[in-house]
Amino acid sequence: MNEDIARTLEHRLAELSKEVAEIDQELRSALPADWEEQATQLEGQDALEGIEKQKLREIQQIRAALQRIADGQYGICAKCGDDIDPKRLKALPTAIFCVSCLG
């Protein structure tokens, strides 16, 4: 089961890495000469930076989950040490807490 999860996580990691590279390229593009167009593009860049931060956070969570799989700690609650419900892991493969410890 963990091998399937690891493959799914690695696939998502590759997708996110590609998306972040595309965002980085867009953020480095030259601004247009027109002031109004510059303002519009800068607003768009602010939105892209927010999206990029979100994707980078997900990348970090995926890498941590892959490390837990490698360490044999995947599916074990980081707070109480109990098993995390497999249904929760299926819905959120990067989960580190069981439902009881979410509070």
C-alpha atoms as a PDB file:
ATOM      1  CA  MET A   1       0.000   0.000   0.000  1.00  0.00           C
ATOM      2  CA  ASN A   2       2.758   2.478   0.900  1.00  0.00           C
ATOM      3  CA  GLU A   3       4.426   1.838  -2.466  1.00  0.00           C
ATOM      4  CA  ASP A   4       1.259   2.976  -4.262  1.00  0.00           C
ATOM      5  CA  ILE A   5       1.029   6.045  -2.055  1.00  0.00           C
ATOM      6  CA  ALA A   6       4.699   6.818  -2.655  1.00  0.00           C
ATOM      7  CA  ARG A   7       4.195   6.594  -6.441  1.00  0.00           C
ATOM      8  CA  THR A   8       1.173   8.877  -6.235  1.00  0.00           C
ATOM      9  CA  LEU A   9       3.085  11.364  -4.088  1.00  0.00           C
ATOM     10  CA  GLU A  10       6.113  11.284  -6.395  1.00  0.00           C
ATOM     11  CA  HIS A  11       3.861  11.917  -9.394  1.00  0.00           C
ATOM     12  CA  ARG A  12       2.245  14.889  -7.639  1.00  0.00           C
ATOM     13  CA  LEU A  13       5.682  16.163  -6.612  1.00  0.00           C
ATOM     14  CA  ALA A  14       6.810  16.130 -10.251  1.00  0.00           C
ATOM     15  CA  GLU A  15       3.655  18.014 -11.305  1.00  0.00           C
ATOM     16  CA  LEU A  16       4.112  20.639  -8.606  1.00  0.00           C
ATOM     17  CA  SER A  17       7.803  21.095  -9.401  1.00  0.00           C
ATOM     18  CA  LYS A  18       6.940  21.740 -13.040  1.00  0.00           C
ATOM     19  CA  GLU A  19       4.199  24.205 -12.082  1.00  0.00           C
ATOM     20  CA  VAL A  20       6.521  26.091  -9.708  1.00  0.00           C
ATOM     21  CA  ALA A  21       9.172  26.325 -12.450  1.00  0.00           C
ATOM     22  CA  GLU A  22       6.554  27.779 -14.818  1.00  0.00           C
ATOM     23  CA  ILE A  23       5.461  30.311 -12.194  1.00  0.00           C
ATOM     24  CA  ASP A  24       9.084  31.294 -11.556  1.00  0.00           C
ATOM     25  CA  GLN A  25       9.572  31.862 -15.267  1.00  0.00           C
ATOM     26  CA  GLU A  26       6.423  33.997 -15.445  1.00  0.00           C
ATOM     27  CA  LEU A  27       7.490  36.036 -12.412  1.00  0.00           C
ATOM     28  CA  ARG A  28      10.869  36.760 -14.030  1.00  0.00           C
ATOM     29  CA  SER A  29       9.347  38.009 -17.273  1.00  0.00           C
ATOM     30  CA  ALA A  30       9.998  41.631 -18.179  1.00  0.00           C
ATOM     31  CA  LEU A  31       7.382  44.230 -17.339  1.00  0.00           C
ATOM     32  CA  PRO A  32       5.671  46.033 -20.224  1.00  0.00           C
ATOM     33  CA  ALA A  33       6.583  49.674 -20.900  1.00  0.00           C
ATOM     34  CA  ASP A  34       3.029  50.930 -20.353  1.00  0.00           C
ATOM     35  CA  TRP A  35       2.338  51.909 -16.696  1.00  0.00           C
ATOM     36  CA  GLU A  36      -1.219  50.589 -16.684  1.00  0.00           C
ATOM     37  CA  GLU A  37      -0.108  47.261 -18.134  1.00  0.00           C
ATOM     38  CA  GLN A  38       2.682  47.140 -15.549  1.00  0.00           C
ATOM     39  CA  ALA A  39       0.167  47.643 -12.735  1.00  0.00           C
ATOM     40  CA  THR A  40      -2.012  44.864 -14.090  1.00  0.00           C
ATOM     41  CA  GLN A  41       0.937  42.525 -14.493  1.00  0.00           C
ATOM     42  CA  LEU A  42       2.219  43.293 -10.971  1.00  0.00           C
ATOM     43  CA  GLU A  43      -1.208  42.433  -9.531  1.00  0.00           C
ATOM     44  CA  GLY A  44      -1.062  39.172 -11.438  1.00  0.00           C
ATOM     45  CA  GLN A  45       2.413  38.524 -10.077  1.00  0.00           C
ATOM     46  CA  ASP A  46       1.154  39.003  -6.521  1.00  0.00           C
ATOM     47  CA  ALA A  47      -1.487  36.346  -7.163  1.00  0.00           C
ATOM     48  CA  LEU A  48       1.122  34.043  -8.735  1.00  0.00           C
ATOM     49  CA  GLU A  49       3.399  34.448  -5.722  1.00  0.00           C
ATOM     50  CA  GLY A  50       0.548  33.347  -3.461  1.00  0.00           C
ATOM     51  CA  ILE A  51      -0.109  30.309  -5.634  1.00  0.00           C
ATOM     52  CA  GLU A  52       3.604  29.515  -5.695  1.00  0.00           C
ATOM     53  CA  LYS A  53       3.824  29.634  -1.882  1.00  0.00           C
ATOM     54  CA  GLN A  54       0.892  27.235  -1.671  1.00  0.00           C
ATOM     55  CA  LYS A  55       2.529  24.830  -4.119  1.00  0.00           C
ATOM     56  CA  LEU A  56       5.875  25.040  -2.297  1.00  0.00           C
ATOM     57  CA  ARG A  57       4.116  24.210   0.981  1.00  0.00           C
ATOM     58  CA  GLU A  58       2.525  21.156  -0.659  1.00  0.00           C
ATOM     59  CA  ILE A  59       5.931  20.111  -2.037  1.00  0.00           C
ATOM     60  CA  GLN A  60       7.355  20.297   1.485  1.00  0.00           C
ATOM     61  CA  GLN A  61       4.471  18.186   2.858  1.00  0.00           C
ATOM     62  CA  ILE A  62       4.929  15.583   0.116  1.00  0.00           C
ATOM     63  CA  ARG A  63       8.676  15.337   0.724  1.00  0.00           C
ATOM     64  CA  ALA A  64       8.007  14.876   4.444  1.00  0.00           C
ATOM     65  CA  ALA A  65       5.445  12.131   3.706  1.00  0.00           C
ATOM     66  CA  LEU A  66       7.911  10.364   1.395  1.00  0.00           C
ATOM     67  CA  GLN A  67      10.532  10.550   4.150  1.00  0.00           C
ATOM     68  CA  ARG A  68       8.061   9.055   6.648  1.00  0.00           C
ATOM     69  CA  ILE A  69       7.421   6.215   4.178  1.00  0.00           C
ATOM     70  CA  ALA A  70      11.180   5.648   3.823  1.00  0.00           C
ATOM     71  CA  ASP A  71      11.595   5.706   7.614  1.00  0.00           C
ATOM     72  CA  GLY A  72       8.697   3.307   8.213  1.00  0.00           C
ATOM     73  CA  GLN A  73       6.770   5.989  10.112  1.00  0.00           C
ATOM     74  CA  TYR A  74       4.087   6.684   7.514  1.00  0.00           C
ATOM     75  CA  GLY A  75       0.536   6.393   8.798  1.00  0.00           C
ATOM     76  CA  ILE A  76       1.519   6.878  12.432  1.00  0.00           C
ATOM     77  CA  CYS A  77       0.192   9.967  14.202  1.00  0.00           C
ATOM     78  CA  ALA A  78       3.008  12.370  15.041  1.00  0.00           C
ATOM     79  CA  LYS A  79       1.222  13.415  18.238  1.00  0.00           C
ATOM     80  CA  CYS A  80      -0.206  10.287  19.892  1.00  0.00           C
ATOM     81  CA  GLY A  81       1.582   7.481  18.007  1.00  0.00           C
ATOM     82  CA  ASP A  82      -1.628   5.707  17.004  1.00  0.00           C
ATOM     83  CA  ASP A  83      -2.293   4.600  13.446  1.00  0.00           C
ATOM     84  CA  ILE A  84      -3.888   7.163  11.159  1.00  0.00           C
ATOM     85  CA  ASP A  85      -7.099   5.820   9.609  1.00  0.00           C
ATOM     86  CA  PRO A  86      -6.337   4.539   6.078  1.00  0.00           C
ATOM     87  CA  LYS A  87      -9.409   6.439   4.807  1.00  0.00           C
ATOM     88  CA  ARG A  88      -7.848   9.672   6.084  1.00  0.00           C
ATOM     89  CA  LEU A  89      -4.546   8.836   4.412  1.00  0.00           C
ATOM     90  CA  LYS A  90      -6.327   8.071   1.161  1.00  0.00           C
ATOM     91  CA  ALA A  91      -8.068  11.456   1.283  1.00  0.00           C
ATOM     92  CA  LEU A  92      -4.981  13.318   2.540  1.00  0.00           C
ATOM     93  CA  PRO A  93      -1.804  11.289   1.889  1.00  0.00           C
ATOM     94  CA  THR A  94       0.355  13.901   3.619  1.00  0.00           C
ATOM     95  CA  ALA A  95      -1.572  13.716   6.926  1.00  0.00           C
ATOM     96  CA  ILE A  96       0.629  13.584  10.004  1.00  0.00           C
ATOM     97  CA  PHE A  97      -2.113  13.512  12.659  1.00  0.00           C
ATOM     98  CA  CYS A  98      -5.003  11.174  13.310  1.00  0.00           C
ATOM     99  CA  VAL A  99      -8.482  12.716  13.466  1.00  0.00           C
ATOM    100  CA  SER A 100      -8.443  12.678  17.275  1.00  0.00           C
ATOM    101  CA  CYS A 101      -5.292  14.816  17.428  1.00  0.00           C
ATOM    102  CA  LEU A 102      -6.369  17.439  14.889  1.00  0.00           C
ATOM    103  CA  GLY A 103      -7.895  19.696  17.555  1.00  0.00           C
END
